[in-house]
Amino acid sequence: ELDGFAAEMELRVLEHYTEGESASIEVMILERKGIPQERKVRLYLEEKTFSLKPGDRLKLTGILRKESTTLSRNRLQKGIYLTVSVIKNTDISVEPDAALNLMCKAARLSNAIQKRIQALIPGEEGNLLAAMISGDSSVCGKRLQTALVNTGLAHIAAVSGLHISILTGFFVTTLGRRNGFLASLPLIILYAIVAGASPSAMRAVIMQ
């Protein structure tokens, strides 16, 4: 029922967006025409003139749409079924949000880790390691992403049982079974949240 609905909206940014990068970003609608609601959507920006951080608030007039093409499995897993496009010739106001929630703080920490890894290890090697640790394959770039998909290795850039098992196994090996599991529990929960709390990551944490 929201397909084609146009209104003034207030949104919260859920991931980093830097000028010159892809013109879409994951956001959550906080208010639609003055009505409070929380709904994840993809925001498409035609003008790449923003540098946005998780937690920043946007005010704009946009149109909600159902995707005309099949949504990727990754978006559906995140609960994203709609996109919002900014109506032409309307202003977009950006306000930093001082009261960050847990997921926005985790997204900022994840981005800081990515940038630190890329600074220490330049090139595709650093991009791949940043993707493997953060679970964000977008840092790989399109060429490397395509190579991972074509070789059947795309799963290594998504935080799942492999990553969680390695962390848990390290503590169990060094501290013993009981102490190792107890020591790893808060770390794997924190790691899953920093990696975006994807279904695959949370499933792996629950199983551990």
C-alpha atoms as a PDB file:
ATOM      1  CA  GLU A   1       0.000   0.000   0.000  1.00  0.00           C
ATOM      2  CA  LEU A   2       3.011   2.303   0.258  1.00  0.00           C
ATOM      3  CA  ASP A   3       4.055   1.884  -3.381  1.00  0.00           C
ATOM      4  CA  GLY A   4       3.903   5.295  -5.071  1.00  0.00           C
ATOM      5  CA  PHE A   5       3.320   7.203  -1.816  1.00  0.00           C
ATOM      6  CA  ALA A   6       4.952  10.662  -1.762  1.00  0.00           C
ATOM      7  CA  ALA A   7       5.457  12.639   1.444  1.00  0.00           C
ATOM      8  CA  GLU A   8       7.838  14.608   3.609  1.00  0.00           C
ATOM      9  CA  MET A   9      10.043  12.156   5.488  1.00  0.00           C
ATOM     10  CA  GLU A  10      12.592  12.087   8.261  1.00  0.00           C
ATOM     11  CA  LEU A  11      15.140   9.307   7.923  1.00  0.00           C
ATOM     12  CA  ARG A  12      18.087   7.931   9.868  1.00  0.00           C
ATOM     13  CA  VAL A  13      21.193   6.842   7.963  1.00  0.00           C
ATOM     14  CA  LEU A  14      22.255   3.245   8.709  1.00  0.00           C
ATOM     15  CA  GLU A  15      25.501   3.035   6.724  1.00  0.00           C
ATOM     16  CA  HIS A  16      28.323   5.259   5.510  1.00  0.00           C
ATOM     17  CA  TYR A  17      27.917   7.169   2.282  1.00  0.00           C
ATOM     18  CA  THR A  18      30.821   9.133   0.826  1.00  0.00           C
ATOM     19  CA  GLU A  19      30.644  11.560  -2.065  1.00  0.00           C
ATOM     20  CA  GLY A  20      31.507   9.840  -5.319  1.00  0.00           C
ATOM     21  CA  GLU A  21      30.490   6.348  -4.223  1.00  0.00           C
ATOM     22  CA  SER A  22      27.368   4.383  -5.137  1.00  0.00           C
ATOM     23  CA  ALA A  23      24.254   6.546  -5.213  1.00  0.00           C
ATOM     24  CA  SER A  24      22.200   4.370  -2.865  1.00  0.00           C
ATOM     25  CA  ILE A  25      22.246   4.033   0.915  1.00  0.00           C
ATOM     26  CA  GLU A  26      20.390   2.039   3.560  1.00  0.00           C
ATOM     27  CA  VAL A  27      18.213   4.221   5.783  1.00  0.00           C
ATOM     28  CA  MET A  28      15.293   3.872   8.188  1.00  0.00           C
ATOM     29  CA  ILE A  29      12.179   6.008   7.939  1.00  0.00           C
ATOM     30  CA  LEU A  30      11.469   7.614  11.326  1.00  0.00           C
ATOM     31  CA  GLU A  31       8.514   9.763  10.321  1.00  0.00           C
ATOM     32  CA  ARG A  32       6.354   9.891   7.223  1.00  0.00           C
ATOM     33  CA  LYS A  33       4.159  12.980   6.912  1.00  0.00           C
ATOM     34  CA  GLY A  34       4.397  13.459  10.671  1.00  0.00           C
ATOM     35  CA  ILE A  35       3.429   9.831  11.407  1.00  0.00           C
ATOM     36  CA  PRO A  36       6.105   7.964  13.438  1.00  0.00           C
ATOM     37  CA  GLN A  37       7.145   4.628  11.961  1.00  0.00           C
ATOM     38  CA  GLU A  38      10.264   2.532  11.533  1.00  0.00           C
ATOM     39  CA  ARG A  39      10.808   0.932   8.172  1.00  0.00           C
ATOM     40  CA  LYS A  40      14.080   0.098   6.429  1.00  0.00           C
ATOM     41  CA  VAL A  41      14.397   1.287   2.825  1.00  0.00           C
ATOM     42  CA  ARG A  42      17.063   2.008   0.219  1.00  0.00           C
ATOM     43  CA  LEU A  43      17.476   5.712  -0.504  1.00  0.00           C
ATOM     44  CA  TYR A  44      18.598   6.659  -4.013  1.00  0.00           C
ATOM     45  CA  LEU A  45      20.471   9.934  -4.357  1.00  0.00           C
ATOM     46  CA  GLU A  46      20.965  11.391  -7.825  1.00  0.00           C
ATOM     47  CA  GLU A  47      23.397  14.075  -6.663  1.00  0.00           C
ATOM     48  CA  LYS A  48      26.447  12.598  -4.982  1.00  0.00           C
ATOM     49  CA  THR A  49      27.132  15.628  -2.839  1.00  0.00           C
ATOM     50  CA  PHE A  50      26.841  14.180   0.645  1.00  0.00           C
ATOM     51  CA  SER A  51      29.174  12.604   3.150  1.00  0.00           C
ATOM     52  CA  LEU A  52      26.882  10.809   5.576  1.00  0.00           C
ATOM     53  CA  LYS A  53      27.545   8.704   8.673  1.00  0.00           C
ATOM     54  CA  PRO A  54      25.334   6.178  10.456  1.00  0.00           C
ATOM     55  CA  GLY A  55      23.021   8.058  12.796  1.00  0.00           C
ATOM     56  CA  ASP A  56      22.779  11.230  10.680  1.00  0.00           C
ATOM     57  CA  ARG A  57      19.204  12.404  10.114  1.00  0.00           C
ATOM     58  CA  LEU A  58      17.804  13.437   6.753  1.00  0.00           C
ATOM     59  CA  LYS A  59      14.708  15.474   6.022  1.00  0.00           C
ATOM     60  CA  LEU A  60      13.410  15.315   2.466  1.00  0.00           C
ATOM     61  CA  THR A  61      10.379  14.874   0.259  1.00  0.00           C
ATOM     62  CA  GLY A  62      10.465  11.532  -1.507  1.00  0.00           C
ATOM     63  CA  ILE A  63       8.470   8.821  -3.253  1.00  0.00           C
ATOM     64  CA  LEU A  64       8.300   5.266  -1.906  1.00  0.00           C
ATOM     65  CA  ARG A  65       8.507   2.530  -4.515  1.00  0.00           C
ATOM     66  CA  LYS A  66       8.486  -1.217  -4.669  1.00  0.00           C
ATOM     67  CA  GLU A  67      11.567  -2.396  -6.520  1.00  0.00           C
ATOM     68  CA  SER A  68      10.739  -2.836 -10.190  1.00  0.00           C
ATOM     69  CA  THR A  69      13.390  -5.542 -10.434  1.00  0.00           C
ATOM     70  CA  THR A  70      13.876  -8.546  -8.184  1.00  0.00           C
ATOM     71  CA  LEU A  71      15.398  -7.519  -4.869  1.00  0.00           C
ATOM     72  CA  SER A  72      18.652  -9.174  -3.952  1.00  0.00           C
ATOM     73  CA  ARG A  73      18.577 -11.845  -1.255  1.00  0.00           C
ATOM     74  CA  ASN A  74      20.856  -9.652   0.860  1.00  0.00           C
ATOM     75  CA  ARG A  75      18.304  -6.817   0.925  1.00  0.00           C
ATOM     76  CA  LEU A  76      15.414  -9.130   1.693  1.00  0.00           C
ATOM     77  CA  GLN A  77      17.363 -10.612   4.609  1.00  0.00           C
ATOM     78  CA  LYS A  78      17.784  -7.098   5.979  1.00  0.00           C
ATOM     79  CA  GLY A  79      14.048  -6.451   5.741  1.00  0.00           C
ATOM     80  CA  ILE A  80      14.306  -3.968   2.864  1.00  0.00           C
ATOM     81  CA  TYR A  81      11.340  -4.150   0.488  1.00  0.00           C
ATOM     82  CA  LEU A  82      11.010  -0.516  -0.587  1.00  0.00           C
ATOM     83  CA  THR A  83      13.127   2.232  -2.064  1.00  0.00           C
ATOM     84  CA  VAL A  84      12.695   5.987  -1.738  1.00  0.00           C
ATOM     85  CA  SER A  85      13.702   8.489  -4.395  1.00  0.00           C
ATOM     86  CA  VAL A  86      14.044  12.202  -3.712  1.00  0.00           C
ATOM     87  CA  ILE A  87      11.571  14.353  -5.635  1.00  0.00           C
ATOM     88  CA  LYS A  88      13.448  16.625  -8.036  1.00  0.00           C
ATOM     89  CA  ASN A  89      14.176  20.210  -7.052  1.00  0.00           C
ATOM     90  CA  THR A  90      13.479  19.591  -3.362  1.00  0.00           C
ATOM     91  CA  ASP A  91      15.957  20.293  -0.578  1.00  0.00           C
ATOM     92  CA  ILE A  92      17.615  17.664   1.594  1.00  0.00           C
ATOM     93  CA  SER A  93      18.607  18.752   5.093  1.00  0.00           C
ATOM     94  CA  VAL A  94      21.236  16.793   7.017  1.00  0.00           C
ATOM     95  CA  GLU A  95      21.551  16.879  10.801  1.00  0.00           C
ATOM     96  CA  PRO A  96      24.091  14.895  12.839  1.00  0.00           C
ATOM     97  CA  ASP A  97      22.385  12.833  15.525  1.00  0.00           C
ATOM     98  CA  ALA A  98      24.140  13.077  18.891  1.00  0.00           C
ATOM     99  CA  ALA A  99      22.050  10.268  20.419  1.00  0.00           C
ATOM    100  CA  LEU A 100      23.308   7.286  18.417  1.00  0.00           C
ATOM    101  CA  ASN A 101      21.643   3.915  18.924  1.00  0.00           C
ATOM    102  CA  LEU A 102      23.611   0.680  19.236  1.00  0.00           C
ATOM    103  CA  MET A 103      23.450  -0.280  15.547  1.00  0.00           C
ATOM    104  CA  CYS A 104      24.627   3.167  14.402  1.00  0.00           C
ATOM    105  CA  LYS A 105      27.547   3.052  16.831  1.00  0.00           C
ATOM    106  CA  ALA A 106      28.418  -0.444  15.585  1.00  0.00           C
ATOM    107  CA  ALA A 107      28.271   0.733  11.942  1.00  0.00           C
ATOM    108  CA  ARG A 108      30.656   3.619  12.700  1.00  0.00           C
ATOM    109  CA  LEU A 109      33.055   1.242  14.478  1.00  0.00           C
ATOM    110  CA  SER A 110      32.908  -1.195  11.549  1.00  0.00           C
ATOM    111  CA  ASN A 111      33.763   1.590   9.094  1.00  0.00           C
ATOM    112  CA  ALA A 112      36.688   2.727  11.266  1.00  0.00           C
ATOM    113  CA  ILE A 113      38.037  -0.855  11.316  1.00  0.00           C
ATOM    114  CA  GLN A 114      37.705  -1.101   7.530  1.00  0.00           C
ATOM    115  CA  LYS A 115      39.610   2.129   6.961  1.00  0.00           C
ATOM    116  CA  ARG A 116      42.355   1.107   9.406  1.00  0.00           C
ATOM    117  CA  ILE A 117      42.860  -2.219   7.623  1.00  0.00           C
ATOM    118  CA  GLN A 118      42.912  -0.537   4.207  1.00  0.00           C
ATOM    119  CA  ALA A 119      45.486   1.981   5.470  1.00  0.00           C
ATOM    120  CA  LEU A 120      47.761  -0.809   6.757  1.00  0.00           C
ATOM    121  CA  ILE A 121      47.299  -3.098   3.726  1.00  0.00           C
ATOM    122  CA  PRO A 122      46.702  -1.136   0.504  1.00  0.00           C
ATOM    123  CA  GLY A 123      45.161  -2.600  -2.625  1.00  0.00           C
ATOM    124  CA  GLU A 124      42.770  -5.480  -3.180  1.00  0.00           C
ATOM    125  CA  GLU A 125      44.367  -7.549  -0.409  1.00  0.00           C
ATOM    126  CA  GLY A 126      43.404  -4.950   2.189  1.00  0.00           C
ATOM    127  CA  ASN A 127      39.946  -4.527   0.664  1.00  0.00           C
ATOM    128  CA  LEU A 128      39.347  -8.289   0.833  1.00  0.00           C
ATOM    129  CA  LEU A 129      40.531  -8.528   4.441  1.00  0.00           C
ATOM    130  CA  ALA A 130      38.343  -5.552   5.415  1.00  0.00           C
ATOM    131  CA  ALA A 131      35.356  -7.250   3.768  1.00  0.00           C
ATOM    132  CA  MET A 132      36.058 -10.592   5.462  1.00  0.00           C
ATOM    133  CA  ILE A 133      36.298  -9.008   8.914  1.00  0.00           C
ATOM    134  CA  SER A 134      33.419  -6.528   8.595  1.00  0.00           C
ATOM    135  CA  GLY A 135      31.085  -8.607   6.434  1.00  0.00           C
ATOM    136  CA  ASP A 136      30.661  -5.673   4.029  1.00  0.00           C
ATOM    137  CA  SER A 137      31.562  -6.897   0.554  1.00  0.00           C
ATOM    138  CA  SER A 138      31.014  -3.431  -0.958  1.00  0.00           C
ATOM    139  CA  VAL A 139      34.530  -2.402   0.178  1.00  0.00           C
ATOM    140  CA  CYS A 140      35.978  -4.966  -2.255  1.00  0.00           C
ATOM    141  CA  GLY A 141      34.994  -2.987  -5.318  1.00  0.00           C
ATOM    142  CA  LYS A 142      32.997  -4.358  -8.264  1.00  0.00           C
ATOM    143  CA  ARG A 143      35.934  -6.176  -9.908  1.00  0.00           C
ATOM    144  CA  LEU A 144      36.828  -8.200  -6.815  1.00  0.00           C
ATOM    145  CA  GLN A 145      33.162  -8.773  -5.917  1.00  0.00           C
ATOM    146  CA  THR A 146      32.558 -10.231  -9.383  1.00  0.00           C
ATOM    147  CA  ALA A 147      35.627 -12.467  -9.056  1.00  0.00           C
ATOM    148  CA  LEU A 148      34.412 -13.795  -5.681  1.00  0.00           C
ATOM    149  CA  VAL A 149      30.967 -14.565  -7.103  1.00  0.00           C
ATOM    150  CA  ASN A 150      32.371 -16.249 -10.223  1.00  0.00           C
ATOM    151  CA  THR A 151      34.689 -18.472  -8.170  1.00  0.00           C
ATOM    152  CA  GLY A 152      32.045 -19.391  -5.592  1.00  0.00           C
ATOM    153  CA  LEU A 153      33.905 -17.608  -2.773  1.00  0.00           C
ATOM    154  CA  ALA A 154      31.459 -14.782  -2.082  1.00  0.00           C
ATOM    155  CA  HIS A 155      30.536 -16.373   1.259  1.00  0.00           C
ATOM    156  CA  ILE A 156      33.924 -15.502   2.787  1.00  0.00           C
ATOM    157  CA  ALA A 157      32.981 -11.810   2.664  1.00  0.00           C
ATOM    158  CA  ALA A 158      29.790 -12.449   4.669  1.00  0.00           C
ATOM    159  CA  VAL A 159      30.160 -12.929   8.419  1.00  0.00           C
ATOM    160  CA  SER A 160      28.736 -16.374   9.176  1.00  0.00           C
ATOM    161  CA  GLY A 161      29.600 -19.655  10.892  1.00  0.00           C
ATOM    162  CA  LEU A 162      33.145 -19.643   9.514  1.00  0.00           C
ATOM    163  CA  HIS A 163      34.099 -16.357  11.178  1.00  0.00           C
ATOM    164  CA  ILE A 164      32.311 -17.057  14.470  1.00  0.00           C
ATOM    165  CA  SER A 165      33.800 -20.581  14.679  1.00  0.00           C
ATOM    166  CA  ILE A 166      37.330 -19.254  14.140  1.00  0.00           C
ATOM    167  CA  LEU A 167      36.932 -16.755  16.993  1.00  0.00           C
ATOM    168  CA  THR A 168      35.412 -19.330  19.328  1.00  0.00           C
ATOM    169  CA  GLY A 169      37.970 -21.969  18.352  1.00  0.00           C
ATOM    170  CA  PHE A 170      40.848 -19.615  19.157  1.00  0.00           C
ATOM    171  CA  PHE A 171      39.619 -19.067  22.720  1.00  0.00           C
ATOM    172  CA  VAL A 172      38.782 -22.756  23.263  1.00  0.00           C
ATOM    173  CA  THR A 173      42.253 -23.774  22.052  1.00  0.00           C
ATOM    174  CA  THR A 174      44.055 -21.273  24.292  1.00  0.00           C
ATOM    175  CA  LEU A 175      41.849 -21.315  27.410  1.00  0.00           C
ATOM    176  CA  GLY A 176      40.255 -24.741  27.351  1.00  0.00           C
ATOM    177  CA  ARG A 177      36.698 -25.743  26.500  1.00  0.00           C
ATOM    178  CA  ARG A 178      34.735 -24.252  29.418  1.00  0.00           C
ATOM    179  CA  ASN A 179      36.738 -21.042  29.913  1.00  0.00           C
ATOM    180  CA  GLY A 180      37.170 -20.596  26.177  1.00  0.00           C
ATOM    181  CA  PHE A 181      33.442 -20.648  25.479  1.00  0.00           C
ATOM    182  CA  LEU A 182      32.738 -18.276  28.378  1.00  0.00           C
ATOM    183  CA  ALA A 183      35.451 -15.837  27.227  1.00  0.00           C
ATOM    184  CA  SER A 184      34.353 -15.933  23.584  1.00  0.00           C
ATOM    185  CA  LEU A 185      30.644 -15.364  24.225  1.00  0.00           C
ATOM    186  CA  PRO A 186      30.681 -11.551  24.706  1.00  0.00           C
ATOM    187  CA  LEU A 187      33.211 -11.144  21.892  1.00  0.00           C
ATOM    188  CA  ILE A 188      31.236 -13.069  19.259  1.00  0.00           C
ATOM    189  CA  ILE A 189      28.038 -11.198  20.196  1.00  0.00           C
ATOM    190  CA  LEU A 190      29.850  -7.849  19.844  1.00  0.00           C
ATOM    191  CA  TYR A 191      31.491  -8.969  16.596  1.00  0.00           C
ATOM    192  CA  ALA A 192      28.147 -10.007  15.082  1.00  0.00           C
ATOM    193  CA  ILE A 193      26.628  -6.622  15.950  1.00  0.00           C
ATOM    194  CA  VAL A 194      29.607  -4.710  14.504  1.00  0.00           C
ATOM    195  CA  ALA A 195      29.303  -6.825  11.349  1.00  0.00           C
ATOM    196  CA  GLY A 196      25.727  -5.606  10.889  1.00  0.00           C
ATOM    197  CA  ALA A 197      23.808  -8.288  12.827  1.00  0.00           C
ATOM    198  CA  SER A 198      22.995 -10.143   9.606  1.00  0.00           C
ATOM    199  CA  PRO A 199      20.825 -13.277   9.883  1.00  0.00           C
ATOM    200  CA  SER A 200      23.819 -15.507   9.063  1.00  0.00           C
ATOM    201  CA  ALA A 201      25.947 -13.915  11.808  1.00  0.00           C
ATOM    202  CA  MET A 202      23.222 -14.052  14.477  1.00  0.00           C
ATOM    203  CA  ARG A 203      22.409 -17.655  13.570  1.00  0.00           C
ATOM    204  CA  ALA A 204      26.070 -18.590  14.004  1.00  0.00           C
ATOM    205  CA  VAL A 205      26.239 -16.856  17.405  1.00  0.00           C
ATOM    206  CA  ILE A 206      23.109 -18.662  18.623  1.00  0.00           C
ATOM    207  CA  MET A 207      24.496 -22.023  17.514  1.00  0.00           C
ATOM    208  CA  GLN A 208      27.837 -21.392  19.247  1.00  0.00           C
END
